[in-house]
Amino acid sequence: MSALQGVFSIVGAIARRIVEPVIQLVVLHVGFAFQYKKKQKKLEVEIKNLEEQRKQIEEKVDEAITRGEEVDEPVSNWLAEVEERVQKIKDDNTINENM
């Protein structure tokens, strides 16, 4: 083996030790980004469903109030909590998208 072949052999071994972890890291990052987008889409669908349920409940509450009925405290609390959580998630998603 010539000296040049020996140098190429050493350089090749060093390159493999450097390149392989970098490739693994890139694959991991791409996988994470794909999963993140998939989970974010699922979250968006669930938020939309929750908002639709909230709207239906609010309509029923409005009808009950129009009839002079009182709204139970758990119902009012649920509506307030849903509004708060949905807004927080939307705010968090806006921050994450900007990052």
N, C-alpha and C. Protein backbone atom coordinates (compact mmCIF):
# COMPACT_ATOMS: atom_id res chain seq x y z
N MET A 1 0.86 -1.16 0.00
CA MET A 1 0.00 0.00 0.00
C MET A 1 0.91 1.23 0.00
N SER A 2 0.58 2.12 -0.88
CA SER A 2 1.40 3.33 -0.96
C SER A 2 0.99 4.31 0.13
N ALA A 3 1.81 5.31 0.32
CA ALA A 3 1.54 6.31 1.35
C ALA A 3 0.24 7.06 1.04
N LEU A 4 0.00 7.31 -0.25
CA LEU A 4 -1.20 8.02 -0.67
C LEU A 4 -2.46 7.20 -0.35
N GLN A 5 -2.38 5.90 -0.60
CA GLN A 5 -3.51 5.03 -0.28
C GLN A 5 -3.76 5.01 1.22
N GLY A 6 -2.70 5.02 1.99
CA GLY A 6 -2.82 5.04 3.45
C GLY A 6 -3.49 6.31 3.93
N VAL A 7 -3.13 7.43 3.32
CA VAL A 7 -3.74 8.72 3.70
C VAL A 7 -5.23 8.69 3.36
N PHE A 8 -5.56 8.21 2.14
CA PHE A 8 -6.97 8.13 1.73
C PHE A 8 -7.76 7.19 2.65
N SER A 9 -7.12 6.12 3.07
CA SER A 9 -7.78 5.19 3.98
C SER A 9 -8.09 5.85 5.32
N ILE A 10 -7.15 6.61 5.85
CA ILE A 10 -7.35 7.31 7.12
C ILE A 10 -8.41 8.39 6.97
N VAL A 11 -8.31 9.17 5.89
CA VAL A 11 -9.29 10.24 5.64
C VAL A 11 -10.68 9.63 5.47
N GLY A 12 -10.76 8.52 4.78
CA GLY A 12 -12.05 7.85 4.59
C GLY A 12 -12.65 7.39 5.91
N ALA A 13 -11.83 6.84 6.77
CA ALA A 13 -12.31 6.38 8.08
C ALA A 13 -12.79 7.55 8.92
N ILE A 14 -12.04 8.64 8.89
CA ILE A 14 -12.44 9.84 9.65
C ILE A 14 -13.73 10.41 9.08
N ALA A 15 -13.82 10.47 7.77
CA ALA A 15 -15.02 11.03 7.13
C ALA A 15 -16.25 10.19 7.49
N ARG A 16 -16.12 8.87 7.48
CA ARG A 16 -17.26 8.01 7.84
C ARG A 16 -17.71 8.28 9.27
N ARG A 17 -16.77 8.46 10.16
CA ARG A 17 -17.12 8.72 11.57
C ARG A 17 -17.78 10.08 11.76
N ILE A 18 -17.50 11.00 10.88
CA ILE A 18 -18.11 12.33 10.97
C ILE A 18 -19.43 12.37 10.20
N VAL A 19 -19.44 11.83 9.01
CA VAL A 19 -20.60 11.93 8.12
C VAL A 19 -21.77 11.08 8.61
N GLU A 20 -21.51 9.87 9.06
CA GLU A 20 -22.61 8.99 9.48
C GLU A 20 -23.46 9.60 10.60
N PRO A 21 -22.86 10.15 11.67
CA PRO A 21 -23.71 10.78 12.70
C PRO A 21 -24.47 12.00 12.17
N VAL A 22 -23.85 12.74 11.26
CA VAL A 22 -24.54 13.90 10.68
C VAL A 22 -25.74 13.43 9.87
N ILE A 23 -25.57 12.40 9.09
CA ILE A 23 -26.69 11.85 8.30
C ILE A 23 -27.79 11.36 9.23
N GLN A 24 -27.43 10.66 10.29
CA GLN A 24 -28.43 10.18 11.25
C GLN A 24 -29.18 11.35 11.88
N LEU A 25 -28.46 12.41 12.20
CA LEU A 25 -29.08 13.59 12.79
C LEU A 25 -30.04 14.26 11.81
N VAL A 26 -29.65 14.34 10.55
CA VAL A 26 -30.52 14.93 9.52
C VAL A 26 -31.77 14.09 9.36
N VAL A 27 -31.63 12.78 9.31
CA VAL A 27 -32.79 11.90 9.17
C VAL A 27 -33.71 12.04 10.37
N LEU A 28 -33.15 12.12 11.55
CA LEU A 28 -33.93 12.30 12.77
C LEU A 28 -34.68 13.62 12.73
N HIS A 29 -34.00 14.67 12.31
CA HIS A 29 -34.62 16.01 12.23
C HIS A 29 -35.76 16.02 11.21
N VAL A 30 -35.56 15.41 10.05
CA VAL A 30 -36.61 15.36 9.03
C VAL A 30 -37.80 14.56 9.56
N GLY A 31 -37.54 13.46 10.23
CA GLY A 31 -38.62 12.66 10.83
C GLY A 31 -39.38 13.45 11.87
N PHE A 32 -38.66 14.19 12.70
CA PHE A 32 -39.31 15.02 13.72
C PHE A 32 -40.18 16.08 13.06
N ALA A 33 -39.65 16.75 12.04
CA ALA A 33 -40.41 17.80 11.36
C ALA A 33 -41.68 17.23 10.73
N PHE A 34 -41.58 16.05 10.13
CA PHE A 34 -42.74 15.42 9.51
C PHE A 34 -43.78 15.07 10.57
N GLN A 35 -43.34 14.48 11.68
CA GLN A 35 -44.26 14.12 12.75
C GLN A 35 -44.89 15.37 13.36
N TYR A 36 -44.11 16.43 13.51
CA TYR A 36 -44.61 17.68 14.07
C TYR A 36 -45.74 18.23 13.21
N LYS A 37 -45.51 18.26 11.90
CA LYS A 37 -46.54 18.77 10.98
C LYS A 37 -47.80 17.90 11.04
N LYS A 38 -47.61 16.61 11.10
CA LYS A 38 -48.74 15.67 11.17
C LYS A 38 -49.54 15.90 12.46
N LYS A 39 -48.85 16.04 13.57
CA LYS A 39 -49.52 16.26 14.85
C LYS A 39 -50.18 17.63 14.90
N GLN A 40 -49.56 18.62 14.28
CA GLN A 40 -50.15 19.95 14.25
C GLN A 40 -51.44 19.95 13.43
N LYS A 41 -51.45 19.23 12.32
CA LYS A 41 -52.68 19.12 11.51
C LYS A 41 -53.79 18.46 12.32
N LYS A 42 -53.43 17.39 13.04
CA LYS A 42 -54.42 16.70 13.87
C LYS A 42 -54.96 17.63 14.95
N LEU A 43 -54.08 18.41 15.56
CA LEU A 43 -54.50 19.38 16.58
C LEU A 43 -55.46 20.41 15.97
N GLU A 44 -55.16 20.88 14.78
CA GLU A 44 -56.02 21.86 14.13
C GLU A 44 -57.43 21.29 13.89
N VAL A 45 -57.50 20.03 13.49
CA VAL A 45 -58.79 19.37 13.27
C VAL A 45 -59.55 19.26 14.60
N GLU A 46 -58.85 18.85 15.65
CA GLU A 46 -59.50 18.70 16.96
C GLU A 46 -59.97 20.05 17.51
N ILE A 47 -59.18 21.10 17.29
CA ILE A 47 -59.59 22.43 17.73
C ILE A 47 -60.85 22.87 16.98
N LYS A 48 -60.88 22.61 15.69
CA LYS A 48 -62.06 22.97 14.89
C LYS A 48 -63.29 22.22 15.40
N ASN A 49 -63.15 20.94 15.70
CA ASN A 49 -64.26 20.16 16.24
C ASN A 49 -64.73 20.72 17.59
N LEU A 50 -63.78 21.08 18.44
CA LEU A 50 -64.11 21.63 19.74
C LEU A 50 -64.83 22.97 19.60
N GLU A 51 -64.37 23.79 18.66
CA GLU A 51 -65.03 25.08 18.44
C GLU A 51 -66.46 24.89 17.92
N GLU A 52 -66.67 23.89 17.09
CA GLU A 52 -68.02 23.59 16.60
C GLU A 52 -68.93 23.15 17.75
N GLN A 53 -68.39 22.30 18.63
CA GLN A 53 -69.17 21.87 19.81
C GLN A 53 -69.49 23.06 20.70
N ARG A 54 -68.51 23.92 20.91
CA ARG A 54 -68.73 25.11 21.73
C ARG A 54 -69.83 25.98 21.12
N LYS A 55 -69.80 26.14 19.83
CA LYS A 55 -70.82 26.96 19.15
C LYS A 55 -72.21 26.36 19.36
N GLN A 56 -72.33 25.05 19.23
CA GLN A 56 -73.62 24.39 19.43
C GLN A 56 -74.11 24.57 20.86
N ILE A 57 -73.22 24.42 21.82
CA ILE A 57 -73.58 24.59 23.23
C ILE A 57 -74.00 26.04 23.49
N GLU A 58 -73.24 26.99 22.93
CA GLU A 58 -73.58 28.41 23.11
C GLU A 58 -74.97 28.73 22.54
N GLU A 59 -75.30 28.13 21.41
CA GLU A 59 -76.62 28.34 20.82
C GLU A 59 -77.72 27.81 21.75
N LYS A 60 -77.48 26.64 22.32
CA LYS A 60 -78.46 26.06 23.25
C LYS A 60 -78.58 26.92 24.51
N VAL A 61 -77.44 27.43 24.98
CA VAL A 61 -77.45 28.30 26.16
C VAL A 61 -78.25 29.57 25.85
N ASP A 62 -78.00 30.15 24.69
CA ASP A 62 -78.74 31.36 24.29
C ASP A 62 -80.24 31.10 24.22
N GLU A 63 -80.62 29.95 23.68
CA GLU A 63 -82.04 29.59 23.62
C GLU A 63 -82.62 29.45 25.02
N ALA A 64 -81.87 28.83 25.91
CA ALA A 64 -82.34 28.63 27.28
C ALA A 64 -82.50 29.98 27.99
N ILE A 65 -81.55 30.88 27.78
CA ILE A 65 -81.63 32.21 28.39
C ILE A 65 -82.84 32.96 27.84
N THR A 66 -83.09 32.83 26.55
CA THR A 66 -84.25 33.49 25.93
C THR A 66 -85.55 32.99 26.56
N ARG A 67 -85.59 31.71 26.91
CA ARG A 67 -86.78 31.14 27.55
C ARG A 67 -86.85 31.47 29.04
N GLY A 68 -85.86 32.18 29.54
CA GLY A 68 -85.87 32.57 30.95
C GLY A 68 -85.25 31.53 31.87
N GLU A 69 -84.58 30.55 31.32
CA GLU A 69 -83.95 29.51 32.14
C GLU A 69 -82.56 29.97 32.58
N GLU A 70 -82.14 29.41 33.69
CA GLU A 70 -80.79 29.69 34.18
C GLU A 70 -79.82 28.66 33.61
N VAL A 71 -78.62 29.11 33.38
CA VAL A 71 -77.57 28.22 32.86
C VAL A 71 -76.78 27.68 34.05
N ASP A 72 -76.63 26.36 34.09
CA ASP A 72 -75.88 25.74 35.18
C ASP A 72 -74.43 26.21 35.15
N GLU A 73 -73.86 26.33 36.34
CA GLU A 73 -72.49 26.80 36.47
C GLU A 73 -71.48 25.92 35.72
N PRO A 74 -71.61 24.58 35.79
CA PRO A 74 -70.64 23.75 35.03
C PRO A 74 -70.65 24.05 33.53
N VAL A 75 -71.81 24.39 32.99
CA VAL A 75 -71.90 24.71 31.56
C VAL A 75 -71.15 26.01 31.28
N SER A 76 -71.39 27.01 32.09
CA SER A 76 -70.70 28.30 31.93
C SER A 76 -69.20 28.14 32.09
N ASN A 77 -68.80 27.35 33.08
CA ASN A 77 -67.38 27.10 33.31
C ASN A 77 -66.73 26.40 32.12
N TRP A 78 -67.45 25.40 31.55
CA TRP A 78 -66.92 24.65 30.41
C TRP A 78 -66.72 25.58 29.22
N LEU A 79 -67.72 26.43 28.96
CA LEU A 79 -67.61 27.36 27.84
C LEU A 79 -66.42 28.31 28.02
N ALA A 80 -66.24 28.81 29.22
CA ALA A 80 -65.13 29.72 29.49
C ALA A 80 -63.78 29.01 29.35
N GLU A 81 -63.72 27.78 29.86
CA GLU A 81 -62.47 27.02 29.79
C GLU A 81 -62.12 26.68 28.34
N VAL A 82 -63.12 26.30 27.56
CA VAL A 82 -62.87 25.99 26.15
C VAL A 82 -62.33 27.22 25.44
N GLU A 83 -62.97 28.36 25.66
CA GLU A 83 -62.52 29.60 25.02
C GLU A 83 -61.08 29.92 25.39
N GLU A 84 -60.75 29.78 26.67
CA GLU A 84 -59.40 30.08 27.15
C GLU A 84 -58.37 29.14 26.55
N ARG A 85 -58.67 27.85 26.55
CA ARG A 85 -57.71 26.86 26.03
C ARG A 85 -57.52 26.98 24.53
N VAL A 86 -58.60 27.19 23.80
CA VAL A 86 -58.49 27.33 22.36
C VAL A 86 -57.63 28.55 22.02
N GLN A 87 -57.85 29.64 22.72
CA GLN A 87 -57.06 30.85 22.46
C GLN A 87 -55.59 30.62 22.78
N LYS A 88 -55.31 29.92 23.88
CA LYS A 88 -53.92 29.65 24.25
C LYS A 88 -53.24 28.77 23.20
N ILE A 89 -53.94 27.76 22.73
CA ILE A 89 -53.37 26.88 21.71
C ILE A 89 -53.11 27.65 20.43
N LYS A 90 -54.05 28.50 20.04
CA LYS A 90 -53.84 29.30 18.83
C LYS A 90 -52.66 30.25 19.00
N ASP A 91 -52.54 30.86 20.16
CA ASP A 91 -51.40 31.74 20.43
C ASP A 91 -50.09 30.96 20.37
N ASP A 92 -50.06 29.78 21.00
CA ASP A 92 -48.86 28.95 20.99
C ASP A 92 -48.50 28.52 19.57
N ASN A 93 -49.51 28.16 18.77
CA ASN A 93 -49.25 27.76 17.38
C ASN A 93 -48.69 28.92 16.58
N THR A 94 -49.18 30.13 16.82
CA THR A 94 -48.66 31.29 16.12
C THR A 94 -47.20 31.51 16.47
N ILE A 95 -46.87 31.38 17.73
CA ILE A 95 -45.48 31.53 18.17
C ILE A 95 -44.61 30.46 17.51
N ASN A 96 -45.08 29.20 17.53
CA ASN A 96 -44.31 28.10 16.95
C ASN A 96 -44.12 28.27 15.45
N GLU A 97 -45.14 28.74 14.75
CA GLU A 97 -45.02 28.94 13.31
C GLU A 97 -44.02 30.04 13.01
N ASN A 98 -44.00 31.07 13.83
CA ASN A 98 -43.05 32.16 13.60
C ASN A 98 -41.62 31.74 13.89
N MET A 99 -41.45 30.77 14.76
CA MET A 99 -40.10 30.29 15.06
C MET A 99 -39.59 29.48 13.90
